[in-house]
Amino acid sequence: MPNPQAKYHDNVPGKWYVDDTCIDCDLCNDLAAKNFKGNDDEGHSFVYKQPEGEEELKQSQEAKESCPVGAIGDDGA
């Protein structure tokens, strides 16, 4: 279960985030490229743009549901 207290500093403010359990598998980057990016220097992904519109929300939700370690949350602020 994602932890909003452990989200990465490079997530943009908003509801969606990636926490410190991310293993940088790039799945979220592939499924929702408009919203997730990898931080190659630190070895994790993060939300660089909050989802806007139905398509981005759908893709972000698919990324969340597909995350192998459950590192994506949608309850942050």
Protein backbone atom coordinates (compact mmCIF):
# COMPACT_ATOMS: atom_id res chain seq x y z
CA MET A 1 0.00 0.00 0.00
CA PRO A 2 1.50 3.36 -1.01
CA ASN A 3 2.51 5.71 1.79
CA PRO A 4 1.98 9.45 1.23
CA GLN A 5 4.45 10.12 4.07
CA ALA A 6 7.17 8.34 2.06
CA LYS A 7 6.58 9.92 -1.35
CA TYR A 8 9.58 11.08 -3.33
CA HIS A 9 10.50 14.77 -3.26
CA ASP A 10 10.40 15.04 -7.04
CA ASN A 11 6.69 14.19 -7.33
CA VAL A 12 4.77 17.30 -8.36
CA PRO A 13 2.22 18.45 -5.78
CA GLY A 14 -1.19 16.84 -6.07
CA LYS A 15 -3.18 13.71 -5.52
CA TRP A 16 -0.93 11.25 -7.41
CA TYR A 17 2.55 10.24 -6.19
CA VAL A 18 5.20 7.51 -6.13
CA ASP A 19 6.60 6.43 -2.76
CA ASP A 20 9.98 5.06 -1.71
CA THR A 21 9.07 1.43 -2.40
CA CYS A 22 9.49 2.05 -6.15
CA ILE A 23 11.94 -0.36 -7.81
CA ASP A 24 12.23 1.71 -11.02
CA CYS A 25 10.83 -0.98 -13.29
CA ASP A 26 9.61 1.72 -15.75
CA LEU A 27 6.17 0.13 -16.09
CA CYS A 28 4.38 3.33 -15.03
CA ASN A 29 6.53 5.33 -17.47
CA ASP A 30 5.44 3.00 -20.28
CA LEU A 31 1.75 2.94 -19.34
CA ALA A 32 1.33 6.64 -18.49
CA ALA A 33 4.23 8.45 -20.13
CA LYS A 34 2.49 11.83 -19.93
CA ASN A 35 2.47 11.63 -16.12
CA PHE A 36 5.37 9.47 -14.91
CA LYS A 37 9.13 9.76 -15.49
CA GLY A 38 12.16 7.98 -14.17
CA ASN A 39 14.84 9.61 -12.06
CA ASP A 40 17.88 7.74 -13.37
CA ASP A 41 20.25 9.34 -10.87
CA GLU A 42 18.24 8.17 -7.86
CA GLY A 43 16.79 4.99 -9.37
CA HIS A 44 13.05 5.56 -9.06
CA SER A 45 10.07 6.91 -10.95
CA PHE A 46 7.92 9.87 -9.97
CA VAL A 47 4.85 11.85 -11.01
CA TYR A 48 6.05 14.81 -13.05
CA LYS A 49 2.56 15.89 -14.16
CA GLN A 50 -0.72 15.23 -12.39
CA PRO A 51 -3.25 13.45 -14.63
CA GLU A 52 -5.66 15.69 -16.52
CA GLY A 53 -8.61 14.41 -18.48
CA GLU A 54 -10.14 10.98 -18.78
CA GLU A 55 -7.36 9.39 -20.84
CA GLU A 56 -4.53 10.41 -18.49
CA LEU A 57 -6.57 9.32 -15.48
CA LYS A 58 -7.23 5.95 -17.10
CA GLN A 59 -3.55 5.45 -17.94
CA SER A 60 -2.42 6.50 -14.45
CA GLN A 61 -4.94 4.15 -12.87
CA GLU A 62 -3.65 1.31 -15.05
CA ALA A 63 -0.09 2.14 -13.96
CA LYS A 64 -1.17 2.12 -10.31
CA GLU A 65 -2.93 -1.22 -10.65
CA SER A 66 0.02 -2.74 -12.55
CA CYS A 67 2.78 -1.52 -10.23
CA PRO A 68 4.52 -4.68 -8.97
CA VAL A 69 5.34 -3.18 -5.56
CA GLY A 70 2.30 -0.91 -5.05
CA ALA A 71 4.37 2.28 -4.99
CA ILE A 72 1.82 4.51 -6.77
CA GLY A 73 -0.75 6.37 -4.71
CA ASP A 74 -3.61 8.68 -5.61
CA ASP A 75 -4.50 10.08 -2.22
CA GLY A 76 -1.75 12.63 -1.65
CA ALA A 77 -1.99 16.38 -1.46
